[in-house]
Structures are given as structure tokens and as C-alpha cells.
PDB file of N, CA and C in Angstrom:
ATOM      1  N   UNK A   1       0.766  -1.153  -0.287  1.00  0.00           N
ATOM      2  CA  UNK A   1       0.227   0.120   0.080  1.00  0.00           C
ATOM      3  C   UNK A   1       0.731   1.152  -0.088  1.00  0.00           C
ATOM      4  N   UNK A   2       0.028   1.879  -0.551  1.00  0.00           N
ATOM      5  CA  UNK A   2       0.919   3.304  -0.499  1.00  0.00           C
ATOM      6  C   UNK A   2       0.644   4.330   0.588  1.00  0.00           C
ATOM      7  N   UNK A   3       1.523   5.314   1.308  1.00  0.00           N
ATOM      8  CA  UNK A   3       1.610   5.922   2.390  1.00  0.00           C
ATOM      9  C   UNK A   3       1.622   7.483   2.026  1.00  0.00           C
ATOM     10  N   UNK A   4       0.789   7.351   0.676  1.00  0.00           N
ATOM     11  CA  UNK A   4       0.752   8.835   0.142  1.00  0.00           C
ATOM     12  C   UNK A   4      -0.164   8.977   0.341  1.00  0.00           C
ATOM     13  N   UNK A   5      -0.821   9.764   0.993  1.00  0.00           N
ATOM     14  CA  UNK A   5      -2.486  10.226   1.012  1.00  0.00           C
ATOM     15  C   UNK A   5      -2.893  11.126  -0.259  1.00  0.00           C
ATOM     16  N   UNK A   6      -4.136  10.403  -0.455  1.00  0.00           N
ATOM     17  CA  UNK A   6      -4.955  10.506  -2.247  1.00  0.00           C
ATOM     18  C   UNK A   6      -5.373  12.186  -1.887  1.00  0.00           C
ATOM     19  N   UNK A   7      -5.556  12.868  -0.829  1.00  0.00           N
ATOM     20  CA  UNK A   7      -6.326  14.309  -0.690  1.00  0.00           C
ATOM     21  C   UNK A   7      -5.302  15.424  -1.618  1.00  0.00           C
ATOM     22  N   UNK A   8      -6.202  16.155  -2.093  1.00  0.00           N
ATOM     23  CA  UNK A   8      -5.279  17.429  -2.984  1.00  0.00           C
ATOM     24  C   UNK A   8      -5.271  18.236  -2.401  1.00  0.00           C
ATOM     25  N   UNK A   9      -3.847  19.079  -2.494  1.00  0.00           N
ATOM     26  CA  UNK A   9      -3.456  20.241  -1.542  1.00  0.00           C
ATOM     27  C   UNK A   9      -4.677  21.412  -1.633  1.00  0.00           C
ATOM     28  N   UNK A  10      -4.299  21.717  -0.761  1.00  0.00           N
ATOM     29  CA  UNK A  10      -5.048  22.841  -0.780  1.00  0.00           C
ATOM     30  C   UNK A  10      -4.793  24.050  -1.623  1.00  0.00           C
ATOM     31  N   UNK A  11      -6.088  25.004  -2.632  1.00  0.00           N
ATOM     32  CA  UNK A  11      -5.035  26.105  -2.772  1.00  0.00           C
ATOM     33  C   UNK A  11      -5.302  26.930  -1.915  1.00  0.00           C
ATOM     34  N   UNK A  12      -4.331  27.858  -2.334  1.00  0.00           N
ATOM     35  CA  UNK A  12      -3.911  29.045  -1.436  1.00  0.00           C
ATOM     36  C   UNK A  12      -5.035  30.355  -1.718  1.00  0.00           C
ATOM     37  N   UNK A  13      -5.921  30.591  -0.890  1.00  0.00           N
ATOM     38  CA  UNK A  13      -6.440  31.768  -0.905  1.00  0.00           C
ATOM     39  C   UNK A  13      -6.200  32.877  -1.022  1.00  0.00           C
ATOM     40  N   UNK A  14      -6.679  33.774  -2.170  1.00  0.00           N
ATOM     41  CA  UNK A  14      -6.207  34.610  -2.697  1.00  0.00           C
ATOM     42  C   UNK A  14      -5.901  36.235  -1.563  1.00  0.00           C
ATOM     43  N   UNK A  15      -4.913  36.807  -1.849  1.00  0.00           N
ATOM     44  CA  UNK A  15      -4.653  37.875  -0.825  1.00  0.00           C
ATOM     45  C   UNK A  15      -4.911  38.932  -1.260  1.00  0.00           C
ATOM     46  N   UNK A  16      -6.089  39.776  -0.450  1.00  0.00           N
ATOM     47  CA  UNK A  16      -6.606  41.376  -0.706  1.00  0.00           C
ATOM     48  C   UNK A  16      -5.658  42.253  -1.334  1.00  0.00           C
ATOM     49  N   UNK A  17      -6.913  42.844  -2.148  1.00  0.00           N
ATOM     50  CA  UNK A  17      -6.063  43.918  -3.078  1.00  0.00           C
ATOM     51  C   UNK A  17      -5.540  44.906  -2.457  1.00  0.00           C
ATOM     52  N   UNK A  18      -6.013  45.651  -0.898  1.00  0.00           N
ATOM     53  CA  UNK A  18      -5.263  46.220  -0.354  1.00  0.00           C
ATOM     54  C   UNK A  18      -5.631  46.031   0.927  1.00  0.00           C
ATOM     55  N   UNK A  19      -4.178  46.522   1.500  1.00  0.00           N
ATOM     56  CA  UNK A  19      -4.102  45.619   3.033  1.00  0.00           C
ATOM     57  C   UNK A  19      -4.929  46.679   3.771  1.00  0.00           C
ATOM     58  N   UNK A  20      -4.723  46.346   5.649  1.00  0.00           N
ATOM     59  CA  UNK A  20      -5.764  47.585   5.881  1.00  0.00           C
ATOM     60  C   UNK A  20      -4.702  48.961   6.713  1.00  0.00           C
ATOM     61  N   UNK A  21      -3.191  48.412   6.451  1.00  0.00           N
ATOM     62  CA  UNK A  21      -1.723  49.190   6.221  1.00  0.00           C
ATOM     63  C   UNK A  21      -1.994  50.489   5.453  1.00  0.00           C
ATOM     64  N   UNK A  22      -2.127  49.565   4.494  1.00  0.00           N
ATOM     65  CA  UNK A  22      -2.796  50.430   2.524  1.00  0.00           C
ATOM     66  C   UNK A  22      -3.796  51.145   2.940  1.00  0.00           C
ATOM     67  N   UNK A  23      -4.688  50.786   3.179  1.00  0.00           N
ATOM     68  CA  UNK A  23      -5.651  51.632   3.448  1.00  0.00           C
ATOM     69  C   UNK A  23      -5.738  52.511   4.346  1.00  0.00           C
ATOM     70  N   UNK A  24      -5.184  52.627   5.330  1.00  0.00           N
ATOM     71  CA  UNK A  24      -4.941  53.175   6.506  1.00  0.00           C
ATOM     72  C   UNK A  24      -3.741  54.705   6.340  1.00  0.00           C
ATOM     73  N   UNK A  25      -2.993  53.856   5.431  1.00  0.00           N
ATOM     74  CA  UNK A  25      -2.191  55.438   4.874  1.00  0.00           C
ATOM     75  C   UNK A  25      -2.892  56.030   3.861  1.00  0.00           C
ATOM     76  N   UNK A  26      -3.589  55.571   2.484  1.00  0.00           N
ATOM     77  CA  UNK A  26      -4.959  55.997   1.626  1.00  0.00           C
ATOM     78  C   UNK A  26      -5.438  57.194   2.109  1.00  0.00           C
ATOM     79  N   UNK A  27      -6.045  56.911   3.005  1.00  0.00           N
ATOM     80  CA  UNK A  27      -7.101  57.663   4.069  1.00  0.00           C
ATOM     81  C   UNK A  27      -6.132  58.613   4.484  1.00  0.00           C
ATOM     82  N   UNK A  28      -5.283  58.360   4.998  1.00  0.00           N
ATOM     83  CA  UNK A  28      -4.741  59.500   5.581  1.00  0.00           C
ATOM     84  C   UNK A  28      -4.070  60.841   4.897  1.00  0.00           C
ATOM     85  N   UNK A  29      -3.265  59.934   3.814  1.00  0.00           N
ATOM     86  CA  UNK A  29      -2.784  60.987   2.394  1.00  0.00           C
ATOM     87  C   UNK A  29      -4.189  61.836   2.162  1.00  0.00           C
ATOM     88  N   UNK A  30      -5.478  61.060   1.977  1.00  0.00           N
ATOM     89  CA  UNK A  30      -6.376  62.073   1.383  1.00  0.00           C
ATOM     90  C   UNK A  30      -6.404  62.865   2.189  1.00  0.00           C
ATOM     91  N   UNK A  31      -7.223  62.510   3.791  1.00  0.00           N
ATOM     92  CA  UNK A  31      -7.883  63.274   4.083  1.00  0.00           C
ATOM     93  C   UNK A  31      -6.746  64.848   4.649  1.00  0.00           C
ATOM     94  N   UNK A  32      -5.564  64.648   4.616  1.00  0.00           N
ATOM     95  CA  UNK A  32      -4.135  65.731   5.004  1.00  0.00           C
ATOM     96  C   UNK A  32      -4.247  66.215   4.170  1.00  0.00           C
ATOM     97  N   UNK A  33      -4.178  65.425   2.749  1.00  0.00           N
ATOM     98  CA  UNK A  33      -4.421  66.875   1.361  1.00  0.00           C
ATOM     99  C   UNK A  33      -5.371  67.445   1.589  1.00  0.00           C
ATOM    100  N   UNK A  34      -6.671  67.067   1.778  1.00  0.00           N
ATOM    101  CA  UNK A  34      -7.769  67.733   1.936  1.00  0.00           C
ATOM    102  C   UNK A  34      -7.885  69.207   2.726  1.00  0.00           C
ATOM    103  N   UNK A  35      -7.527  68.801   4.027  1.00  0.00           N
ATOM    104  CA  UNK A  35      -7.419  69.827   4.727  1.00  0.00           C
ATOM    105  C   UNK A  35      -5.994  70.769   4.472  1.00  0.00           C
ATOM    106  N   UNK A  36      -5.059  70.436   4.450  1.00  0.00           N
ATOM    107  CA  UNK A  36      -4.237  71.180   3.613  1.00  0.00           C
ATOM    108  C   UNK A  36      -5.069  72.544   2.123  1.00  0.00           C
ATOM    109  N   UNK A  37      -5.323  71.408   1.347  1.00  0.00           N
ATOM    110  CA  UNK A  37      -6.300  72.480   0.397  1.00  0.00           C
ATOM    111  C   UNK A  37      -6.924  73.833   0.419  1.00  0.00           C
ATOM    112  N   UNK A  38      -7.960  73.332   2.336  1.00  0.00           N
ATOM    113  CA  UNK A  38      -8.286  74.011   2.895  1.00  0.00           C
ATOM    114  C   UNK A  38      -8.041  75.213   3.487  1.00  0.00           C
ATOM    115  N   UNK A  39      -7.068  74.438   4.380  1.00  0.00           N
ATOM    116  CA  UNK A  39      -5.912  75.247   4.923  1.00  0.00           C
ATOM    117  C   UNK A  39      -5.182  75.418   5.185  1.00  0.00           C
ATOM    118  N   UNK A  40      -4.337  76.205   4.375  1.00  0.00           N
ATOM    119  CA  UNK A  40      -2.926  75.874   3.887  1.00  0.00           C
ATOM    120  C   UNK A  40      -1.608  76.435   4.960  1.00  0.00           C
ATOM    121  N   UNK A  41      -2.017  76.997   5.964  1.00  0.00           N
ATOM    122  CA  UNK A  41      -1.506  76.606   6.881  1.00  0.00           C
ATOM    123  C   UNK A  41      -1.271  76.154   7.608  1.00  0.00           C
ATOM    124  N   UNK A  42      -1.909  74.432   7.476  1.00  0.00           N
ATOM    125  CA  UNK A  42      -1.837  73.115   7.975  1.00  0.00           C
ATOM    126  C   UNK A  42      -0.937  72.024   7.407  1.00  0.00           C
ATOM    127  N   UNK A  43      -0.094  72.922   6.051  1.00  0.00           N
ATOM    128  CA  UNK A  43       0.026  71.849   4.802  1.00  0.00           C
ATOM    129  C   UNK A  43       1.208  71.125   5.780  1.00  0.00           C
ATOM    130  N   UNK A  44       2.649  72.200   6.863  1.00  0.00           N
ATOM    131  CA  UNK A  44       3.580  71.403   7.150  1.00  0.00           C
ATOM    132  C   UNK A  44       3.063  70.838   8.435  1.00  0.00           C
ATOM    133  N   UNK A  45       2.742  70.965   9.004  1.00  0.00           N
ATOM    134  CA  UNK A  45       2.181  69.737  10.376  1.00  0.00           C
ATOM    135  C   UNK A  45       1.670  69.034   9.983  1.00  0.00           C
ATOM    136  N   UNK A  46       0.522  69.167   9.335  1.00  0.00           N
ATOM    137  CA  UNK A  46      -0.042  67.298   8.483  1.00  0.00           C
ATOM    138  C   UNK A  46       0.582  66.240   8.370  1.00  0.00           C
ATOM    139  N   UNK A  47       1.336  66.922   7.069  1.00  0.00           N
ATOM    140  CA  UNK A  47       1.845  66.605   6.532  1.00  0.00           C
ATOM    141  C   UNK A  47       3.365  65.681   7.186  1.00  0.00           C
ATOM    142  N   UNK A  48       4.172  65.984   8.622  1.00  0.00           N
ATOM    143  CA  UNK A  48       4.735  65.919   9.501  1.00  0.00           C
ATOM    144  C   UNK A  48       4.303  64.553  10.020  1.00  0.00           C
ATOM    145  N   UNK A  49       2.794  64.783  10.473  1.00  0.00           N
ATOM    146  CA  UNK A  49       2.360  64.043  11.350  1.00  0.00           C
ATOM    147  C   UNK A  49       1.888  62.782  10.535  1.00  0.00           C
ATOM    148  N   UNK A  50       1.415  62.418   9.177  1.00  0.00           N
ATOM    149  CA  UNK A  50       1.386  61.334   8.189  1.00  0.00           C
ATOM    150  C   UNK A  50       2.896  61.178   8.100  1.00  0.00           C
ATOM    151  N   UNK A  51       3.353  61.485   7.935  1.00  0.00           N
ATOM    152  CA  UNK A  51       4.633  60.850   8.081  1.00  0.00           C
ATOM    153  C   UNK A  51       5.281  59.934   9.176  1.00  0.00           C
ATOM    154  N   UNK A  52       5.000  60.737  10.253  1.00  0.00           N
ATOM    155  CA  UNK A  52       4.904  59.488  11.479  1.00  0.00           C
ATOM    156  C   UNK A  52       4.118  58.739  11.668  1.00  0.00           C
ATOM    157  N   UNK A  53       2.876  58.780  11.036  1.00  0.00           N
ATOM    158  CA  UNK A  53       2.006  57.505  11.235  1.00  0.00           C
ATOM    159  C   UNK A  53       2.897  56.526  10.062  1.00  0.00           C
ATOM    160  N   UNK A  54       3.067  56.816   9.311  1.00  0.00           N
ATOM    161  CA  UNK A  54       3.336  56.189   8.126  1.00  0.00           C
ATOM    162  C   UNK A  54       4.421  55.261   8.483  1.00  0.00           C
ATOM    163  N   UNK A  55       5.825  56.083   9.379  1.00  0.00           N
ATOM    164  CA  UNK A  55       6.748  55.336   9.835  1.00  0.00           C
ATOM    165  C   UNK A  55       6.375  54.061  11.016  1.00  0.00           C
ATOM    166  N   UNK A  56       5.397  54.776  11.179  1.00  0.00           N
ATOM    167  CA  UNK A  56       4.739  54.219  12.609  1.00  0.00           C
ATOM    168  C   UNK A  56       4.103  52.564  12.176  1.00  0.00           C
ATOM    169  N   UNK A  57       3.537  52.927  10.765  1.00  0.00           N
ATOM    170  CA  UNK A  57       2.660  51.516  10.687  1.00  0.00           C
ATOM    171  C   UNK A  57       3.879  50.865   9.855  1.00  0.00           C
ATOM    172  N   UNK A  58       5.039  51.563   9.465  1.00  0.00           N
ATOM    173  CA  UNK A  58       5.632  50.563   8.535  1.00  0.00           C
ATOM    174  C   UNK A  58       6.471  49.775   9.577  1.00  0.00           C
ATOM    175  N   UNK A  59       6.981  50.150  10.717  1.00  0.00           N
ATOM    176  CA  UNK A  59       7.843  49.761  12.173  1.00  0.00           C
ATOM    177  C   UNK A  59       6.838  48.445  13.094  1.00  0.00           C
ATOM    178  N   UNK A  60       5.821  48.608  12.269  1.00  0.00           N
ATOM    179  CA  UNK A  60       4.712  47.645  13.073  1.00  0.00           C
ATOM    180  C   UNK A  60       4.369  46.696  12.524  1.00  0.00           C
ATOM    181  N   UNK A  61       4.303  46.469  11.278  1.00  0.00           N
ATOM    182  CA  UNK A  61       4.775  45.664  10.050  1.00  0.00           C
ATOM    183  C   UNK A  61       5.444  44.603  10.288  1.00  0.00           C
ATOM    184  N   UNK A  62       6.875  45.371   9.944  1.00  0.00           N
ATOM    185  CA  UNK A  62       7.994  45.255  10.622  1.00  0.00           C
ATOM    186  C   UNK A  62       8.217  44.472  11.992  1.00  0.00           C
TER     187      UNK A  62
END
């Protein structure tokens, strides 16, 4: 008798097109761009905040 399993290997499940981290970064970028367009004086602080959050998301992923 053969010791091999006759089961078919499971197909890998497809990965999502956008991850939660990607959606967070895109939402943050779109929101900060909208606020910066409405209030130009806030552009630099918003950019810094978005950069920090993006870097933290990268650190958490690693």
C-alpha cells in the first residue's frame, strides 16, 4: 500500500488587493491633502503627522 495521501492540496486563498495598512495610509494621505487644501497654514504640520504615522505603520508591520 502507498503511504501517500490521496487528498488534493488546498489552493492558497487569494490575498486582498489592499491591506489594512495600505488603506490607512491612503485614507490619511487623502484626508491630510483635503485639509491642507482647505487650510494652507496646516500643510506642514499635517505632512509631518502623516509621515510619522506612516513610519509607525511600517515599523509595526516589520
